[in-house]
């Protein structure tokens, strides 16, 4: 199965760092900082400075002139406002202008495991849906199943089909920090004999035996669609080309009789 790619899926905004504006709707207010995030703080004004630092495990940062500042659960804007306030109260800079930029996202991530093109940790720098985060890691590997397993940060297990979401047959969902996604390999079938490309192949949803034969290159000049033996569950039967292929089915394309 080719790598999965999606576009044009609408973003569902999450209630994280948001405020309600209407029933069922929220507004994204910005990424909330957490431990191990790396930031750059620019303090403009007489005696200003630029500091690169990481948020400590206790959620604080330490800046020259200012000292300790609570950074965890703050957006860059609210943190800049807090730093400006401390500078004014200390009388160090009369009209300070502070800018905060995030250099590295580390505290709020989703873990991507299994048959993704580029598995690993993905930062939630904004609300991301399941399909968006799959696209962000390059989609699925060839041979991966469209079914993915989501383990929520709270421990609950959910299952989603990416093709169904892309076809608008199932809803997309917004991910949360600490979630983990696992992509499995698609079930396989096997085909041998007088066929263009013998071997094992991933089963696509609702794939028929005729489609499975075509996926393997079809019969050779010496083979015949009318002479295909299906081995399933220890039994040998003549294959019905319109029937669905099943996991671990073995197809053998026999030679035609001239």
Protein backbone atom coordinates (compact mmCIF):
# COMPACT_ATOMS: atom_id res chain seq x y z
CA UNK A 1 0.00 0.00 0.00
CA UNK A 2 1.46 3.37 -0.92
CA UNK A 3 2.30 5.95 1.71
CA UNK A 4 -0.70 7.75 3.07
CA UNK A 5 -1.03 11.48 2.35
CA UNK A 6 -3.95 13.76 3.12
CA UNK A 7 -4.76 17.33 2.28
CA UNK A 8 -7.68 19.64 2.71
CA UNK A 9 -8.81 18.20 6.05
CA UNK A 10 -10.27 20.96 8.21
CA UNK A 11 -8.56 21.58 11.54
CA UNK A 12 -10.67 20.87 14.61
CA UNK A 13 -9.61 23.31 17.28
CA UNK A 14 -8.86 21.82 20.69
CA UNK A 15 -9.91 23.32 24.04
CA UNK A 16 -6.27 23.46 25.14
CA UNK A 17 -5.21 27.07 25.74
CA UNK A 18 -8.49 28.29 24.30
CA UNK A 19 -11.55 30.23 25.39
CA UNK A 20 -15.12 29.48 24.31
CA UNK A 21 -16.57 31.78 21.66
CA UNK A 22 -19.66 29.77 20.79
CA UNK A 23 -21.16 26.42 21.61
CA UNK A 24 -18.61 23.75 20.76
CA UNK A 25 -16.00 26.23 19.48
CA UNK A 26 -12.73 27.52 20.92
CA UNK A 27 -10.01 29.92 19.84
CA UNK A 28 -6.37 28.86 19.83
CA UNK A 29 -4.54 31.30 22.10
CA UNK A 30 -1.04 29.96 21.61
CA UNK A 31 1.30 27.18 22.63
CA UNK A 32 1.61 26.79 26.41
CA UNK A 33 5.23 26.46 27.52
CA UNK A 34 6.42 23.54 29.62
CA UNK A 35 9.54 21.92 31.03
CA UNK A 36 12.45 21.47 28.58
CA UNK A 37 11.05 23.88 25.97
CA UNK A 38 13.86 26.13 24.71
CA UNK A 39 13.05 29.81 24.30
CA UNK A 40 14.75 33.08 23.41
CA UNK A 41 13.86 36.16 25.45
CA UNK A 42 14.69 39.54 23.91
CA UNK A 43 14.54 42.50 26.32
CA UNK A 44 14.67 45.84 24.51
CA UNK A 45 15.50 49.07 26.27
CA UNK A 46 18.41 50.57 28.19
CA UNK A 47 20.43 47.71 29.59
CA UNK A 48 18.42 45.14 27.63
CA UNK A 49 19.63 41.67 26.70
CA UNK A 50 18.90 38.57 24.62
CA UNK A 51 18.87 35.27 26.49
CA UNK A 52 18.44 31.71 25.24
CA UNK A 53 17.28 29.33 27.98
CA UNK A 54 15.28 26.18 28.71
CA UNK A 55 12.27 26.00 30.94
CA UNK A 56 13.36 24.17 34.11
CA UNK A 57 11.63 21.12 35.51
CA UNK A 58 9.90 23.35 38.08
CA UNK A 59 8.45 25.45 35.24
CA UNK A 60 10.63 28.52 35.78
CA UNK A 61 13.34 30.42 33.90
CA UNK A 62 15.99 32.76 35.27
CA UNK A 63 16.87 36.01 33.50
CA UNK A 64 19.42 38.76 34.14
CA UNK A 65 17.88 41.85 35.80
CA UNK A 66 14.65 39.97 36.34
CA UNK A 67 15.54 36.82 38.23
CA UNK A 68 13.16 33.86 38.43
CA UNK A 69 10.01 33.96 36.30
CA UNK A 70 7.25 31.36 36.04
CA UNK A 71 7.14 30.18 32.41
CA UNK A 72 5.19 26.89 32.51
CA UNK A 73 1.62 27.11 31.20
CA UNK A 74 2.34 30.57 29.78
CA UNK A 75 2.11 31.52 26.12
CA UNK A 76 4.96 33.53 24.63
CA UNK A 77 2.77 36.63 24.80
CA UNK A 78 1.74 36.19 28.44
CA UNK A 79 5.33 35.39 29.46
CA UNK A 80 6.59 38.55 27.71
CA UNK A 81 3.95 40.58 29.54
CA UNK A 82 4.97 39.04 32.89
CA UNK A 83 8.66 39.86 32.27
CA UNK A 84 7.78 43.43 31.29
CA UNK A 85 5.82 43.77 34.53
CA UNK A 86 8.73 42.60 36.68
CA UNK A 87 11.12 44.99 34.90
CA UNK A 88 8.78 47.93 35.51
CA UNK A 89 8.18 47.05 39.16
CA UNK A 90 11.91 46.78 39.74
CA UNK A 91 12.50 50.15 38.11
CA UNK A 92 15.20 48.66 35.93
CA UNK A 93 13.81 49.69 32.55
CA UNK A 94 11.17 52.39 32.30
CA UNK A 95 9.41 51.22 29.14
CA UNK A 96 10.65 47.73 28.41
CA UNK A 97 9.66 45.83 25.31
CA UNK A 98 9.99 42.07 25.62
CA UNK A 99 9.70 39.46 22.88
CA UNK A 100 9.68 35.71 23.50
CA UNK A 101 10.27 33.13 20.75
CA UNK A 102 10.15 29.34 20.99
CA UNK A 103 13.33 27.73 19.64
CA UNK A 104 12.53 24.09 20.43
CA UNK A 105 9.26 22.40 21.36
CA UNK A 106 9.78 19.61 23.87
CA UNK A 107 7.11 19.56 26.57
CA UNK A 108 3.97 18.83 24.53
CA UNK A 109 4.43 15.98 22.09
CA UNK A 110 2.73 13.00 20.50
CA UNK A 111 4.63 9.73 20.13
CA UNK A 112 4.43 8.11 16.66
CA UNK A 113 5.36 4.41 16.58
CA UNK A 114 5.27 1.56 14.09
CA UNK A 115 4.81 1.78 10.33
CA UNK A 116 5.01 5.56 9.91
CA UNK A 117 7.50 6.91 7.38
CA UNK A 118 9.31 8.90 10.09
CA UNK A 119 8.28 7.68 13.56
CA UNK A 120 9.31 9.59 16.66
CA UNK A 121 8.16 12.48 18.81
CA UNK A 122 6.10 15.20 17.13
CA UNK A 123 5.64 18.55 18.91
CA UNK A 124 2.12 19.91 19.28
CA UNK A 125 3.05 23.48 18.39
CA UNK A 126 -0.63 24.05 17.57
CA UNK A 127 -3.81 21.95 17.62
CA UNK A 128 -3.23 19.02 15.25
CA UNK A 129 -5.72 16.45 14.04
CA UNK A 130 -4.87 12.80 13.57
CA UNK A 131 -4.58 13.14 9.79
CA UNK A 132 -2.44 16.27 10.06
CA UNK A 133 0.06 14.65 12.39
CA UNK A 134 0.27 11.55 10.14
CA UNK A 135 1.01 13.86 7.21
CA UNK A 136 3.62 15.68 9.32
CA UNK A 137 5.64 12.44 9.71
CA UNK A 138 5.47 11.68 5.99
CA UNK A 139 2.47 9.36 6.05
CA UNK A 140 2.63 5.59 6.27
CA UNK A 141 5.26 3.20 4.98
CA UNK A 142 4.45 1.02 1.99
CA UNK A 143 2.63 -2.03 3.27
CA UNK A 144 1.17 -0.30 6.33
CA UNK A 145 -2.44 -0.68 7.36
CA UNK A 146 -4.83 2.30 7.20
CA UNK A 147 -5.95 1.35 10.71
CA UNK A 148 -4.07 3.14 13.50
CA UNK A 149 -4.28 2.67 17.26
CA UNK A 150 -4.37 5.72 19.52
CA UNK A 151 -3.46 5.45 23.18
CA UNK A 152 -4.70 8.55 24.92
CA UNK A 153 -2.62 10.20 27.62
CA UNK A 154 -5.20 8.98 30.13
CA UNK A 155 -4.70 5.35 29.07
CA UNK A 156 -7.79 4.75 26.93
CA UNK A 157 -7.33 2.96 23.60
CA UNK A 158 -9.06 4.13 20.40
CA UNK A 159 -8.87 2.89 16.81
CA UNK A 160 -9.25 4.92 13.63
CA UNK A 161 -9.18 4.23 9.89
CA UNK A 162 -7.34 6.91 7.93
CA UNK A 163 -9.08 6.11 4.65
CA UNK A 164 -12.50 6.46 6.29
CA UNK A 165 -11.49 9.87 7.68
CA UNK A 166 -10.17 11.01 4.29
CA UNK A 167 -13.47 10.00 2.66
CA UNK A 168 -15.40 11.89 5.35
CA UNK A 169 -16.92 8.61 6.51
CA UNK A 170 -15.48 9.06 10.00
CA UNK A 171 -14.59 12.13 12.02
CA UNK A 172 -11.07 13.42 12.41
CA UNK A 173 -9.98 13.98 16.00
CA UNK A 174 -7.67 16.44 17.74
CA UNK A 175 -4.67 14.99 19.56
CA UNK A 176 -3.47 15.93 23.04
CA UNK A 177 -0.01 16.08 24.65
CA UNK A 178 1.07 12.63 25.79
CA UNK A 179 -0.98 10.74 23.19
CA UNK A 180 0.71 7.87 21.31
CA UNK A 181 -0.16 6.62 17.82
CA UNK A 182 0.78 3.16 16.55
CA UNK A 183 0.58 2.10 12.90
CA UNK A 184 0.60 -1.62 12.14
CA UNK A 185 1.58 -3.50 9.02
CA UNK A 186 -1.31 -4.37 6.73
CA UNK A 187 -2.36 -8.03 6.56
CA UNK A 188 -0.61 -9.94 3.77
CA UNK A 189 -1.51 -12.40 1.04
CA UNK A 190 0.89 -14.56 -0.98
CA UNK A 191 0.90 -15.37 -4.68
CA UNK A 192 3.10 -17.77 -6.66
CA UNK A 193 3.26 -19.64 -9.92
CA UNK A 194 2.71 -18.14 -13.37
CA UNK A 195 2.36 -14.53 -12.20
CA UNK A 196 4.29 -11.38 -13.05
CA UNK A 197 5.61 -10.68 -9.56
CA UNK A 198 5.43 -13.57 -7.12
CA UNK A 199 5.70 -12.85 -3.41
CA UNK A 200 3.74 -11.28 -0.55
CA UNK A 201 1.60 -8.16 -0.78
CA UNK A 202 -0.43 -5.96 1.55
CA UNK A 203 -4.20 -6.36 1.44
CA UNK A 204 -6.06 -3.16 0.62
CA UNK A 205 -9.57 -2.62 2.06
CA UNK A 206 -12.16 -4.77 0.22
CA UNK A 207 -9.56 -6.13 -2.18
CA UNK A 208 -10.87 -8.91 -4.41
CA UNK A 209 -8.84 -11.87 -5.60
CA UNK A 210 -8.91 -10.35 -9.10
CA UNK A 211 -7.40 -7.14 -7.71
CA UNK A 212 -4.84 -9.14 -5.74
CA UNK A 213 -3.83 -10.90 -8.95
CA UNK A 214 -3.52 -7.57 -10.77
CA UNK A 215 -1.44 -6.15 -7.92
CA UNK A 216 1.07 -8.94 -8.52
CA UNK A 217 1.34 -8.14 -12.22
CA UNK A 218 -1.32 -10.55 -13.49
CA UNK A 219 -0.76 -13.96 -15.07
CA UNK A 220 2.20 -14.50 -17.34
CA UNK A 221 1.66 -15.61 -20.94
CA UNK A 222 1.86 -19.17 -19.67
CA UNK A 223 -0.61 -18.57 -16.82
CA UNK A 224 -4.39 -18.36 -16.75
CA UNK A 225 -6.97 -16.53 -14.59
CA UNK A 226 -9.12 -19.64 -14.90
CA UNK A 227 -6.49 -21.79 -13.24
CA UNK A 228 -5.87 -20.23 -9.86
CA UNK A 229 -5.77 -22.37 -6.74
CA UNK A 230 -6.50 -20.75 -3.39
CA UNK A 231 -5.01 -22.18 -0.20
CA UNK A 232 -6.95 -20.94 2.81
CA UNK A 233 -7.01 -22.34 6.31
CA UNK A 234 -5.35 -25.58 5.25
CA UNK A 235 -7.84 -26.18 2.43
CA UNK A 236 -7.28 -26.08 -1.33
CA UNK A 237 -10.10 -24.55 -3.38
CA UNK A 238 -10.63 -23.02 -6.81
CA UNK A 239 -10.43 -19.25 -6.49
CA UNK A 240 -13.51 -17.06 -7.11
CA UNK A 241 -11.97 -13.91 -8.61
CA UNK A 242 -14.83 -11.72 -7.33
CA UNK A 243 -14.41 -12.89 -3.71
CA UNK A 244 -12.47 -10.84 -1.17
CA UNK A 245 -8.90 -11.83 -0.43
CA UNK A 246 -8.27 -12.71 3.22
CA UNK A 247 -5.17 -12.41 5.42
CA UNK A 248 -2.64 -15.23 4.84
CA UNK A 249 -4.39 -16.45 1.69
CA UNK A 250 -2.02 -18.18 -0.75
CA UNK A 251 -2.78 -17.99 -4.47
CA UNK A 252 -1.12 -20.28 -7.00
CA UNK A 253 -1.51 -19.42 -10.69
CA UNK A 254 -1.25 -22.60 -12.72
CA UNK A 255 -0.18 -22.96 -16.34
CA UNK A 256 -2.79 -22.75 -19.03
CA UNK A 257 -3.50 -25.81 -21.16
CA UNK A 258 -2.71 -25.11 -24.80
